[in-house]
């Protein structure tokens, strides 16, 4: 789960076979910007509608205990997304030249086209979240502290603090009682998260 930075697709960045999921929240923000920059174009609104519909369908599937978004719903919304991207690409042609900087709209559309499977992986497996907001929310308090104070504490104290916060956040995301998990860790029987499932 990540934002669309080229470093994540660099050779050797991840082990072979790792599946990617691009953060849909970031894509929605970029599409919202595209809609403001291209007020006469219909493709940004259509792509936004499709992506938001897929996220909504994902949450419904999770609540129902389904392993994926139902095929009929998924197929309809993915078709709408692909059509929006095709229209957008036609209306925003590439600028000529191998080193010519492309417009933000063109870069976004090429990402949605070329990384389609990484954009919609969550549609086929409800174990994959559509956004990295839960992960970022765990880091936000530390970044806020850094902004306010202008610094973090010593490296050693910061490392210990982050280790404890990470342990608490992971336990909470597994639906465990945080106080019980902390007590067990202090008394010598720490909870450990399960090994990630290999696909």
N, C-alpha and C. Protein backbone atom coordinates (compact mmCIF):
# COMPACT_ATOMS: atom_id res chain seq x y z
N UNK A 1 0.85 -1.18 0.00
CA UNK A 1 0.00 0.00 0.00
C UNK A 1 0.89 1.23 0.00
N UNK A 2 0.78 2.04 -1.02
CA UNK A 2 1.65 3.21 -1.09
C UNK A 2 1.09 4.25 -2.06
N UNK A 3 1.69 5.42 -1.99
CA UNK A 3 1.41 6.47 -2.96
C UNK A 3 2.18 6.12 -4.23
N UNK A 4 1.85 6.79 -5.30
CA UNK A 4 2.47 6.46 -6.59
C UNK A 4 3.81 7.18 -6.74
N UNK A 5 4.81 6.72 -6.03
CA UNK A 5 6.16 7.25 -6.19
C UNK A 5 6.96 6.24 -7.01
N UNK A 6 7.75 6.75 -7.96
CA UNK A 6 8.49 5.84 -8.85
C UNK A 6 9.46 4.95 -8.09
N UNK A 7 9.94 5.42 -6.93
CA UNK A 7 10.90 4.61 -6.16
C UNK A 7 10.29 3.27 -5.76
N UNK A 8 8.99 3.22 -5.57
CA UNK A 8 8.34 1.97 -5.16
C UNK A 8 8.34 0.94 -6.28
N UNK A 9 8.52 1.40 -7.51
CA UNK A 9 8.56 0.48 -8.64
C UNK A 9 9.98 0.28 -9.17
N UNK A 10 10.94 0.82 -8.45
CA UNK A 10 12.34 0.64 -8.86
C UNK A 10 12.76 -0.81 -8.68
N UNK A 11 13.66 -1.25 -9.54
CA UNK A 11 14.14 -2.62 -9.47
C UNK A 11 14.80 -2.87 -8.11
N UNK A 12 14.36 -3.92 -7.44
CA UNK A 12 14.92 -4.27 -6.15
C UNK A 12 14.27 -3.59 -4.96
N UNK A 13 13.27 -2.72 -5.22
CA UNK A 13 12.61 -2.03 -4.10
C UNK A 13 11.86 -3.01 -3.21
N UNK A 14 11.27 -4.04 -3.81
CA UNK A 14 10.54 -5.06 -3.07
C UNK A 14 10.93 -6.43 -3.60
N UNK A 15 10.67 -7.45 -2.82
CA UNK A 15 10.96 -8.80 -3.30
C UNK A 15 10.01 -9.15 -4.44
N UNK A 16 10.41 -10.08 -5.25
CA UNK A 16 9.62 -10.50 -6.41
C UNK A 16 8.28 -11.06 -5.95
N UNK A 17 7.21 -10.69 -6.64
CA UNK A 17 5.89 -11.23 -6.33
C UNK A 17 5.07 -10.38 -5.39
N UNK A 18 5.64 -9.29 -4.85
CA UNK A 18 4.88 -8.41 -3.95
C UNK A 18 3.77 -7.72 -4.73
N UNK A 19 2.57 -7.72 -4.18
CA UNK A 19 1.45 -7.04 -4.81
C UNK A 19 1.39 -5.60 -4.32
N UNK A 20 1.08 -4.70 -5.23
CA UNK A 20 0.98 -3.29 -4.89
C UNK A 20 -0.49 -2.88 -4.85
N UNK A 21 -0.80 -1.93 -3.97
CA UNK A 21 -2.09 -1.26 -3.96
C UNK A 21 -1.80 0.22 -3.81
N UNK A 22 -2.18 1.01 -4.81
CA UNK A 22 -2.00 2.44 -4.72
C UNK A 22 -3.09 3.02 -3.83
N UNK A 23 -2.73 4.03 -3.05
CA UNK A 23 -3.69 4.63 -2.13
C UNK A 23 -4.77 5.37 -2.91
N UNK A 24 -5.99 4.91 -2.79
CA UNK A 24 -7.10 5.50 -3.54
C UNK A 24 -7.42 6.90 -3.03
N UNK A 25 -7.18 7.15 -1.73
CA UNK A 25 -7.43 8.49 -1.19
C UNK A 25 -6.56 9.53 -1.91
N UNK A 26 -5.32 9.18 -2.18
CA UNK A 26 -4.44 10.10 -2.90
C UNK A 26 -4.91 10.27 -4.35
N UNK A 27 -5.33 9.18 -4.98
CA UNK A 27 -5.82 9.28 -6.35
C UNK A 27 -7.08 10.14 -6.42
N UNK A 28 -7.93 10.02 -5.42
CA UNK A 28 -9.15 10.83 -5.39
C UNK A 28 -8.80 12.31 -5.25
N UNK A 29 -7.79 12.62 -4.43
CA UNK A 29 -7.35 14.01 -4.30
C UNK A 29 -6.82 14.55 -5.64
N UNK A 30 -6.05 13.73 -6.35
CA UNK A 30 -5.52 14.16 -7.65
C UNK A 30 -6.64 14.34 -8.67
N UNK A 31 -7.62 13.45 -8.63
CA UNK A 31 -8.76 13.59 -9.55
C UNK A 31 -9.59 14.83 -9.22
N UNK A 32 -9.72 15.14 -7.94
CA UNK A 32 -10.44 16.36 -7.54
C UNK A 32 -9.71 17.59 -8.07
N UNK A 33 -8.38 17.58 -7.98
CA UNK A 33 -7.60 18.68 -8.56
C UNK A 33 -7.81 18.76 -10.07
N UNK A 34 -7.82 17.60 -10.72
CA UNK A 34 -8.02 17.58 -12.17
C UNK A 34 -9.38 18.15 -12.55
N UNK A 35 -10.39 17.85 -11.74
CA UNK A 35 -11.73 18.38 -12.02
C UNK A 35 -11.75 19.89 -11.91
N UNK A 36 -10.98 20.45 -10.96
CA UNK A 36 -10.92 21.90 -10.80
C UNK A 36 -10.12 22.55 -11.93
N UNK A 37 -9.07 21.87 -12.38
CA UNK A 37 -8.23 22.43 -13.45
C UNK A 37 -8.86 22.26 -14.83
N UNK A 38 -9.75 21.30 -14.97
CA UNK A 38 -10.41 21.02 -16.26
C UNK A 38 -11.93 21.01 -16.05
N UNK A 39 -12.50 22.19 -15.74
CA UNK A 39 -13.93 22.24 -15.39
C UNK A 39 -14.87 21.82 -16.50
N UNK A 40 -14.42 21.87 -17.76
CA UNK A 40 -15.29 21.47 -18.86
C UNK A 40 -15.24 19.97 -19.14
N UNK A 41 -14.27 19.28 -18.56
CA UNK A 41 -14.09 17.85 -18.83
C UNK A 41 -14.98 17.01 -17.91
N UNK A 42 -15.48 15.91 -18.46
CA UNK A 42 -16.35 15.02 -17.69
C UNK A 42 -15.59 13.84 -17.09
N UNK A 43 -14.40 13.52 -17.64
CA UNK A 43 -13.70 12.33 -17.19
C UNK A 43 -13.28 12.36 -15.72
N UNK A 44 -12.86 13.53 -15.14
CA UNK A 44 -12.49 13.49 -13.73
C UNK A 44 -13.65 13.12 -12.82
N UNK A 45 -14.83 13.70 -13.09
CA UNK A 45 -15.99 13.39 -12.26
C UNK A 45 -16.40 11.93 -12.41
N UNK A 46 -16.31 11.41 -13.62
CA UNK A 46 -16.67 10.01 -13.85
C UNK A 46 -15.70 9.07 -13.13
N UNK A 47 -14.41 9.37 -13.21
CA UNK A 47 -13.42 8.53 -12.52
C UNK A 47 -13.60 8.62 -11.01
N UNK A 48 -13.88 9.82 -10.51
CA UNK A 48 -14.14 9.99 -9.08
C UNK A 48 -15.34 9.17 -8.64
N UNK A 49 -16.42 9.24 -9.43
CA UNK A 49 -17.63 8.49 -9.10
C UNK A 49 -17.35 6.99 -9.05
N UNK A 50 -16.57 6.51 -10.01
CA UNK A 50 -16.25 5.08 -10.06
C UNK A 50 -15.39 4.66 -8.88
N UNK A 51 -14.34 5.43 -8.57
CA UNK A 51 -13.46 5.06 -7.46
C UNK A 51 -14.18 5.13 -6.12
N UNK A 52 -14.97 6.18 -5.93
CA UNK A 52 -15.73 6.27 -4.67
C UNK A 52 -16.75 5.14 -4.56
N UNK A 53 -17.35 4.79 -5.69
CA UNK A 53 -18.28 3.66 -5.69
C UNK A 53 -17.60 2.36 -5.33
N UNK A 54 -16.37 2.16 -5.82
CA UNK A 54 -15.61 0.94 -5.50
C UNK A 54 -15.24 0.89 -4.03
N UNK A 55 -14.85 2.04 -3.46
CA UNK A 55 -14.51 2.08 -2.03
C UNK A 55 -15.75 1.78 -1.19
N UNK A 56 -16.88 2.35 -1.58
CA UNK A 56 -18.13 2.09 -0.86
C UNK A 56 -18.49 0.60 -0.96
N UNK A 57 -18.36 0.04 -2.14
CA UNK A 57 -18.66 -1.38 -2.33
C UNK A 57 -17.70 -2.25 -1.53
N UNK A 58 -16.45 -1.82 -1.42
CA UNK A 58 -15.46 -2.55 -0.61
C UNK A 58 -15.91 -2.61 0.85
N UNK A 59 -16.33 -1.48 1.40
CA UNK A 59 -16.76 -1.46 2.80
C UNK A 59 -18.01 -2.31 3.01
N UNK A 60 -18.91 -2.28 2.05
CA UNK A 60 -20.10 -3.14 2.14
C UNK A 60 -19.70 -4.61 2.11
N UNK A 61 -18.76 -4.96 1.25
CA UNK A 61 -18.30 -6.35 1.16
C UNK A 61 -17.63 -6.78 2.46
N UNK A 62 -16.84 -5.88 3.05
CA UNK A 62 -16.18 -6.20 4.33
C UNK A 62 -17.21 -6.45 5.42
N UNK A 63 -18.22 -5.58 5.49
CA UNK A 63 -19.26 -5.72 6.52
C UNK A 63 -20.03 -7.02 6.34
N UNK A 64 -20.17 -7.46 5.09
CA UNK A 64 -20.89 -8.71 4.81
C UNK A 64 -20.00 -9.93 4.92
N UNK A 65 -18.70 -9.72 5.20
CA UNK A 65 -17.78 -10.84 5.33
C UNK A 65 -17.40 -11.48 4.00
N UNK A 66 -17.52 -10.72 2.92
CA UNK A 66 -17.20 -11.25 1.59
C UNK A 66 -15.70 -11.14 1.30
N UNK A 67 -15.15 -12.06 0.52
CA UNK A 67 -13.72 -12.00 0.21
C UNK A 67 -13.38 -10.96 -0.85
N UNK A 68 -14.40 -10.47 -1.57
CA UNK A 68 -14.16 -9.49 -2.64
C UNK A 68 -15.46 -8.73 -2.91
N UNK A 69 -15.34 -7.63 -3.63
CA UNK A 69 -16.54 -6.91 -4.07
C UNK A 69 -17.29 -7.82 -5.04
N UNK A 70 -18.61 -7.95 -4.91
CA UNK A 70 -19.36 -8.80 -5.84
C UNK A 70 -19.06 -8.47 -7.30
N UNK A 71 -18.94 -9.51 -8.10
CA UNK A 71 -18.45 -9.36 -9.48
C UNK A 71 -19.29 -8.38 -10.30
N UNK A 72 -20.59 -8.42 -10.16
CA UNK A 72 -21.44 -7.56 -10.98
C UNK A 72 -21.19 -6.08 -10.67
N UNK A 73 -21.14 -5.75 -9.39
CA UNK A 73 -20.87 -4.37 -8.97
C UNK A 73 -19.48 -3.96 -9.40
N UNK A 74 -18.53 -4.83 -9.18
CA UNK A 74 -17.13 -4.55 -9.52
C UNK A 74 -16.97 -4.30 -11.02
N UNK A 75 -17.59 -5.15 -11.83
CA UNK A 75 -17.47 -5.04 -13.28
C UNK A 75 -18.05 -3.71 -13.77
N UNK A 76 -19.20 -3.30 -13.25
CA UNK A 76 -19.85 -2.06 -13.68
C UNK A 76 -18.98 -0.85 -13.35
N UNK A 77 -18.45 -0.80 -12.13
CA UNK A 77 -17.66 0.35 -11.70
C UNK A 77 -16.28 0.38 -12.37
N UNK A 78 -15.69 -0.78 -12.58
CA UNK A 78 -14.39 -0.81 -13.26
C UNK A 78 -14.52 -0.39 -14.72
N UNK A 79 -15.62 -0.76 -15.35
CA UNK A 79 -15.88 -0.33 -16.73
C UNK A 79 -16.01 1.19 -16.78
N UNK A 80 -16.73 1.75 -15.81
CA UNK A 80 -16.89 3.21 -15.74
C UNK A 80 -15.53 3.90 -15.55
N UNK A 81 -14.69 3.33 -14.71
CA UNK A 81 -13.37 3.90 -14.48
C UNK A 81 -12.51 3.83 -15.75
N UNK A 82 -12.50 2.68 -16.39
CA UNK A 82 -11.69 2.52 -17.62
C UNK A 82 -12.16 3.48 -18.71
N UNK A 83 -13.47 3.65 -18.84
CA UNK A 83 -13.99 4.56 -19.87
C UNK A 83 -13.58 6.00 -19.58
N UNK A 84 -13.62 6.40 -18.30
CA UNK A 84 -13.21 7.76 -17.94
C UNK A 84 -11.74 7.98 -18.27
N UNK A 85 -10.91 6.99 -17.98
CA UNK A 85 -9.47 7.10 -18.27
C UNK A 85 -9.23 7.17 -19.77
N UNK A 86 -9.94 6.37 -20.55
CA UNK A 86 -9.78 6.39 -22.01
C UNK A 86 -10.14 7.75 -22.58
N UNK A 87 -11.24 8.31 -22.12
CA UNK A 87 -11.66 9.64 -22.60
C UNK A 87 -10.63 10.69 -22.18
N UNK A 88 -10.18 10.61 -20.93
CA UNK A 88 -9.18 11.58 -20.45
C UNK A 88 -7.90 11.52 -21.25
N UNK A 89 -7.44 10.32 -21.57
CA UNK A 89 -6.21 10.19 -22.37
C UNK A 89 -6.39 10.79 -23.76
N UNK A 90 -7.57 10.60 -24.34
CA UNK A 90 -7.83 11.15 -25.67
C UNK A 90 -7.86 12.68 -25.63
N UNK A 91 -8.35 13.24 -24.54
CA UNK A 91 -8.46 14.70 -24.42
C UNK A 91 -7.18 15.36 -23.92
N UNK A 92 -6.24 14.55 -23.41
CA UNK A 92 -4.97 15.07 -22.90
C UNK A 92 -3.81 14.31 -23.54
N UNK A 93 -3.55 14.55 -24.82
CA UNK A 93 -2.49 13.80 -25.52
C UNK A 93 -1.12 14.09 -24.92
N UNK A 94 -0.21 13.14 -25.11
CA UNK A 94 1.16 13.31 -24.64
C UNK A 94 1.84 14.46 -25.37
N UNK A 95 2.63 15.20 -24.64
CA UNK A 95 3.44 16.22 -25.27
C UNK A 95 4.61 15.53 -25.97
N UNK A 96 4.96 15.96 -27.16
CA UNK A 96 6.03 15.27 -27.91
C UNK A 96 7.39 15.44 -27.26
N UNK A 97 8.24 14.47 -27.52
CA UNK A 97 9.62 14.52 -27.02
C UNK A 97 9.83 13.57 -25.87
N UNK A 98 10.94 12.83 -25.88
CA UNK A 98 11.18 11.83 -24.84
C UNK A 98 11.41 12.42 -23.46
N UNK A 99 11.90 13.65 -23.38
CA UNK A 99 12.21 14.27 -22.09
C UNK A 99 11.25 15.40 -21.75
N UNK A 100 10.18 15.51 -22.51
CA UNK A 100 9.22 16.59 -22.28
C UNK A 100 8.37 16.29 -21.06
N UNK A 101 8.25 17.27 -20.18
CA UNK A 101 7.44 17.10 -18.98
C UNK A 101 5.96 17.07 -19.37
N UNK A 102 5.25 16.08 -18.86
CA UNK A 102 3.83 15.93 -19.16
C UNK A 102 2.99 16.71 -18.14
N UNK A 103 1.75 16.97 -18.51
CA UNK A 103 0.86 17.69 -17.59
C UNK A 103 0.47 16.77 -16.43
N UNK A 104 0.10 17.34 -15.27
CA UNK A 104 -0.36 16.52 -14.15
C UNK A 104 -1.53 15.60 -14.53
N UNK A 105 -2.44 16.12 -15.37
CA UNK A 105 -3.59 15.30 -15.79
C UNK A 105 -3.12 14.09 -16.58
N UNK A 106 -2.19 14.32 -17.50
CA UNK A 106 -1.69 13.20 -18.31
C UNK A 106 -0.96 12.17 -17.44
N UNK A 107 -0.13 12.64 -16.52
CA UNK A 107 0.57 11.72 -15.63
C UNK A 107 -0.41 10.89 -14.80
N UNK A 108 -1.45 11.53 -14.28
CA UNK A 108 -2.45 10.83 -13.49
C UNK A 108 -3.18 9.79 -14.33
N UNK A 109 -3.57 10.17 -15.53
CA UNK A 109 -4.29 9.25 -16.41
C UNK A 109 -3.42 8.06 -16.81
N UNK A 110 -2.15 8.31 -17.07
CA UNK A 110 -1.24 7.21 -17.41
C UNK A 110 -1.05 6.27 -16.23
N UNK A 111 -1.02 6.83 -15.03
CA UNK A 111 -0.94 5.99 -13.83
C UNK A 111 -2.18 5.11 -13.72
N UNK A 112 -3.36 5.71 -13.91
CA UNK A 112 -4.61 4.94 -13.82
C UNK A 112 -4.70 3.87 -14.90
N UNK A 113 -4.09 4.14 -16.05
CA UNK A 113 -4.10 3.16 -17.14
C UNK A 113 -3.01 2.09 -16.94
N UNK A 114 -1.78 2.54 -16.73
CA UNK A 114 -0.65 1.61 -16.70
C UNK A 114 -0.56 0.82 -15.39
N UNK A 115 -1.08 1.37 -14.31
CA UNK A 115 -1.05 0.69 -13.01
C UNK A 115 -2.46 0.30 -12.58
N UNK A 116 -3.29 -0.01 -13.56
CA UNK A 116 -4.70 -0.32 -13.27
C UNK A 116 -4.83 -1.42 -12.21
N UNK A 117 -4.08 -2.51 -12.35
CA UNK A 117 -4.18 -3.62 -11.40
C UNK A 117 -3.79 -3.19 -9.99
N UNK A 118 -2.85 -2.24 -9.89
CA UNK A 118 -2.41 -1.75 -8.58
C UNK A 118 -3.40 -0.75 -7.99
N UNK A 119 -4.21 -0.14 -8.85
CA UNK A 119 -5.23 0.79 -8.38
C UNK A 119 -6.42 0.04 -7.79
N UNK A 120 -6.75 -1.10 -8.38
CA UNK A 120 -8.00 -1.79 -8.03
C UNK A 120 -7.79 -3.15 -7.36
N UNK A 121 -6.59 -3.41 -6.83
CA UNK A 121 -6.35 -4.71 -6.18
C UNK A 121 -7.33 -4.96 -5.04
N UNK A 122 -7.72 -3.91 -4.32
CA UNK A 122 -8.64 -4.06 -3.18
C UNK A 122 -10.02 -4.57 -3.60
N UNK A 123 -10.36 -4.40 -4.87
CA UNK A 123 -11.67 -4.85 -5.36
C UNK A 123 -11.78 -6.38 -5.39
N UNK A 124 -10.64 -7.05 -5.48
CA UNK A 124 -10.62 -8.50 -5.64
C UNK A 124 -10.22 -9.23 -4.36
N UNK A 125 -9.88 -8.47 -3.32
CA UNK A 125 -9.44 -9.08 -2.07
C UNK A 125 -9.69 -8.09 -0.94
N UNK A 126 -10.68 -8.36 -0.10
CA UNK A 126 -11.04 -7.41 0.95
C UNK A 126 -10.02 -7.37 2.08
N UNK A 127 -8.99 -8.21 2.02
CA UNK A 127 -7.90 -8.10 3.00
C UNK A 127 -7.01 -6.90 2.69
N UNK A 128 -7.12 -6.38 1.46
CA UNK A 128 -6.32 -5.24 1.03
C UNK A 128 -7.14 -3.97 1.21
N UNK A 129 -6.69 -3.03 2.05
CA UNK A 129 -7.45 -1.79 2.20
C UNK A 129 -7.26 -0.88 0.99
N UNK A 130 -8.26 -0.05 0.67
CA UNK A 130 -8.12 0.83 -0.49
C UNK A 130 -7.26 2.06 -0.24
N UNK A 131 -7.02 2.41 1.02
CA UNK A 131 -6.21 3.59 1.32
C UNK A 131 -5.18 3.26 2.40
N UNK A 132 -4.15 4.10 2.48
CA UNK A 132 -3.19 3.92 3.55
C UNK A 132 -3.47 4.86 4.73
N UNK A 133 -4.70 5.38 4.81
CA UNK A 133 -5.06 6.27 5.91
C UNK A 133 -4.87 5.64 7.28
N UNK A 134 -5.26 4.35 7.49
CA UNK A 134 -5.04 3.76 8.81
C UNK A 134 -3.57 3.74 9.21
N UNK A 135 -2.68 3.44 8.27
CA UNK A 135 -1.25 3.43 8.58
C UNK A 135 -0.75 4.84 8.86
N UNK A 136 -1.20 5.80 8.06
CA UNK A 136 -0.74 7.17 8.25
C UNK A 136 -1.27 7.76 9.55
N UNK A 137 -2.46 7.33 9.98
CA UNK A 137 -3.03 7.88 11.22
C UNK A 137 -2.17 7.53 12.42
N UNK A 138 -1.47 6.40 12.37
CA UNK A 138 -0.59 6.02 13.47
C UNK A 138 0.63 6.92 13.54
N UNK A 139 1.07 7.45 12.39
CA UNK A 139 2.26 8.30 12.36
C UNK A 139 1.94 9.77 12.60
N UNK A 140 0.67 10.14 12.39
CA UNK A 140 0.32 11.55 12.42
C UNK A 140 0.65 12.24 13.75
N UNK A 141 0.37 11.61 14.92
CA UNK A 141 0.71 12.30 16.18
C UNK A 141 2.20 12.63 16.30
N UNK A 142 3.05 11.76 15.79
CA UNK A 142 4.49 12.00 15.89
C UNK A 142 4.92 13.15 14.97
N UNK A 143 4.34 13.18 13.77
CA UNK A 143 4.67 14.28 12.86
C UNK A 143 4.13 15.60 13.40
N UNK A 144 2.96 15.55 14.04
CA UNK A 144 2.39 16.77 14.62
C UNK A 144 3.30 17.28 15.74
N UNK A 145 3.77 16.37 16.59
CA UNK A 145 4.68 16.76 17.67
C UNK A 145 5.95 17.39 17.10
N UNK A 146 6.46 16.78 16.03
CA UNK A 146 7.68 17.29 15.42
C UNK A 146 7.46 18.70 14.86
N UNK A 147 6.29 18.94 14.27
CA UNK A 147 6.00 20.26 13.71
C UNK A 147 5.88 21.31 14.82
N UNK A 148 5.22 20.92 15.91
CA UNK A 148 4.96 21.88 16.99
C UNK A 148 6.25 22.22 17.72
N UNK A 149 7.00 21.20 18.09
CA UNK A 149 8.21 21.43 18.89
C UNK A 149 9.43 21.73 18.03
N UNK A 150 9.34 21.39 16.74
CA UNK A 150 10.48 21.60 15.86
C UNK A 150 11.50 20.48 15.94
N UNK A 151 11.24 19.48 16.74
CA UNK A 151 12.19 18.37 16.88
C UNK A 151 11.50 17.20 17.56
N UNK A 152 12.13 16.05 17.53
CA UNK A 152 11.73 14.91 18.34
C UNK A 152 12.69 14.82 19.52
N UNK A 153 12.38 13.93 20.46
CA UNK A 153 13.28 13.76 21.59
C UNK A 153 14.54 13.04 21.11
N UNK A 154 15.36 12.60 22.03
CA UNK A 154 16.58 11.92 21.65
C UNK A 154 16.26 10.70 20.80
N UNK A 155 17.23 10.27 20.02
CA UNK A 155 17.00 9.13 19.13
C UNK A 155 16.60 7.88 19.91
N UNK A 156 17.25 7.65 21.04
CA UNK A 156 16.96 6.47 21.85
C UNK A 156 15.53 6.51 22.39
N UNK A 157 15.14 7.65 22.96
CA UNK A 157 13.78 7.79 23.51
C UNK A 157 12.75 7.69 22.40
N UNK A 158 13.03 8.31 21.26
CA UNK A 158 12.11 8.26 20.13
C UNK A 158 11.93 6.83 19.62
N UNK A 159 13.02 6.09 19.55
CA UNK A 159 12.96 4.70 19.09
C UNK A 159 12.08 3.86 20.03
N UNK A 160 12.26 4.02 21.34
CA UNK A 160 11.46 3.28 22.32
C UNK A 160 9.98 3.67 22.22
N UNK A 161 9.75 4.98 22.10
CA UNK A 161 8.37 5.48 22.02
C UNK A 161 7.66 4.93 20.79
N UNK A 162 8.35 4.96 19.65
CA UNK A 162 7.74 4.47 18.42
C UNK A 162 7.51 2.96 18.46
N UNK A 163 8.39 2.25 19.10
CA UNK A 163 8.22 0.80 19.21
C UNK A 163 6.95 0.48 20.03
N UNK A 164 6.76 1.19 21.12
CA UNK A 164 5.57 0.97 21.96
C UNK A 164 4.31 1.37 21.20
N UNK A 165 4.34 2.55 20.55
CA UNK A 165 3.17 3.02 19.81
C UNK A 165 2.83 2.07 18.66
N UNK A 166 3.85 1.55 17.99
CA UNK A 166 3.62 0.61 16.89
C UNK A 166 2.97 -0.67 17.40
N UNK A 167 3.44 -1.14 18.55
CA UNK A 167 2.89 -2.36 19.15
C UNK A 167 1.41 -2.15 19.51
N UNK A 168 1.12 -1.02 20.11
CA UNK A 168 -0.27 -0.71 20.51
C UNK A 168 -1.16 -0.60 19.27
N UNK A 169 -0.67 0.14 18.26
CA UNK A 169 -1.49 0.33 17.04
C UNK A 169 -1.75 -0.98 16.34
N UNK A 170 -0.75 -1.86 16.28
CA UNK A 170 -0.92 -3.16 15.61
C UNK A 170 -1.92 -4.02 16.36
N UNK A 171 -1.83 -4.02 17.68
CA UNK A 171 -2.78 -4.80 18.48
C UNK A 171 -4.21 -4.28 18.29
N UNK A 172 -4.36 -2.96 18.30
CA UNK A 172 -5.68 -2.36 18.12
C UNK A 172 -6.27 -2.71 16.76
N UNK A 173 -5.42 -2.71 15.72
CA UNK A 173 -5.90 -3.04 14.39
C UNK A 173 -6.30 -4.50 14.26
N UNK A 174 -5.80 -5.34 15.18
CA UNK A 174 -6.22 -6.75 15.21
C UNK A 174 -7.42 -6.96 16.13
N UNK A 175 -7.99 -5.85 16.62
CA UNK A 175 -9.20 -5.94 17.43
C UNK A 175 -8.96 -6.38 18.87
N UNK A 176 -7.74 -6.22 19.36
CA UNK A 176 -7.42 -6.66 20.71
C UNK A 176 -7.56 -5.52 21.71
N UNK A 177 -7.76 -5.87 22.97
CA UNK A 177 -7.83 -4.89 24.04
C UNK A 177 -6.40 -4.41 24.34
N UNK A 178 -6.15 -3.13 24.13
CA UNK A 178 -4.80 -2.59 24.23
C UNK A 178 -4.25 -2.74 25.65
N UNK A 179 -5.06 -2.47 26.67
CA UNK A 179 -4.58 -2.58 28.05
C UNK A 179 -4.20 -4.01 28.40
N UNK A 180 -4.99 -4.96 27.91
CA UNK A 180 -4.67 -6.36 28.18
C UNK A 180 -3.37 -6.77 27.48
N UNK A 181 -3.20 -6.30 26.24
CA UNK A 181 -1.98 -6.62 25.49
C UNK A 181 -0.75 -6.03 26.18
N UNK A 182 -0.86 -4.79 26.65
CA UNK A 182 0.25 -4.16 27.36
C UNK A 182 0.57 -4.89 28.66
N UNK A 183 -0.47 -5.28 29.40
CA UNK A 183 -0.26 -6.00 30.65
C UNK A 183 0.45 -7.33 30.39
N UNK A 184 -0.01 -8.04 29.34
CA UNK A 184 0.62 -9.32 29.01
C UNK A 184 2.08 -9.14 28.62
N UNK A 185 2.37 -8.06 27.90
CA UNK A 185 3.76 -7.80 27.50
C UNK A 185 4.64 -7.52 28.72
N UNK A 186 4.11 -6.75 29.65
CA UNK A 186 4.87 -6.40 30.86
C UNK A 186 5.10 -7.63 31.74
N UNK A 187 4.12 -8.54 31.76
CA UNK A 187 4.25 -9.73 32.60
C UNK A 187 4.98 -10.88 31.92
N UNK A 188 5.48 -10.63 30.71
CA UNK A 188 6.34 -11.62 30.08
C UNK A 188 5.69 -12.54 29.07
N UNK A 189 4.42 -12.29 28.73
CA UNK A 189 3.76 -13.11 27.70
C UNK A 189 3.23 -12.19 26.60
N UNK A 190 4.13 -11.57 25.84
CA UNK A 190 3.70 -10.60 24.83
C UNK A 190 2.94 -11.25 23.69
N UNK A 191 1.93 -10.53 23.21
CA UNK A 191 1.21 -10.95 22.01
C UNK A 191 2.06 -10.62 20.80
N UNK A 192 2.04 -11.52 19.83
CA UNK A 192 2.75 -11.27 18.57
C UNK A 192 1.75 -11.37 17.43
N UNK A 193 1.82 -10.45 16.46
CA UNK A 193 0.89 -10.53 15.33
C UNK A 193 1.16 -11.77 14.51
N UNK A 194 0.12 -12.30 13.85
CA UNK A 194 0.32 -13.48 13.01
C UNK A 194 1.17 -13.18 11.80
N UNK A 195 1.81 -14.21 11.27
CA UNK A 195 2.59 -14.06 10.05
C UNK A 195 1.66 -13.64 8.92
N UNK A 196 2.07 -12.68 8.07
CA UNK A 196 1.21 -12.28 6.94
C UNK A 196 0.98 -13.45 5.99
N UNK A 197 -0.24 -13.48 5.45
CA UNK A 197 -0.59 -14.55 4.51
C UNK A 197 0.12 -14.30 3.19
N UNK A 198 0.69 -15.35 2.61
CA UNK A 198 1.35 -15.24 1.32
C UNK A 198 0.35 -15.56 0.22
N UNK A 199 0.36 -14.73 -0.83
CA UNK A 199 -0.57 -14.96 -1.95
C UNK A 199 0.20 -15.36 -3.17
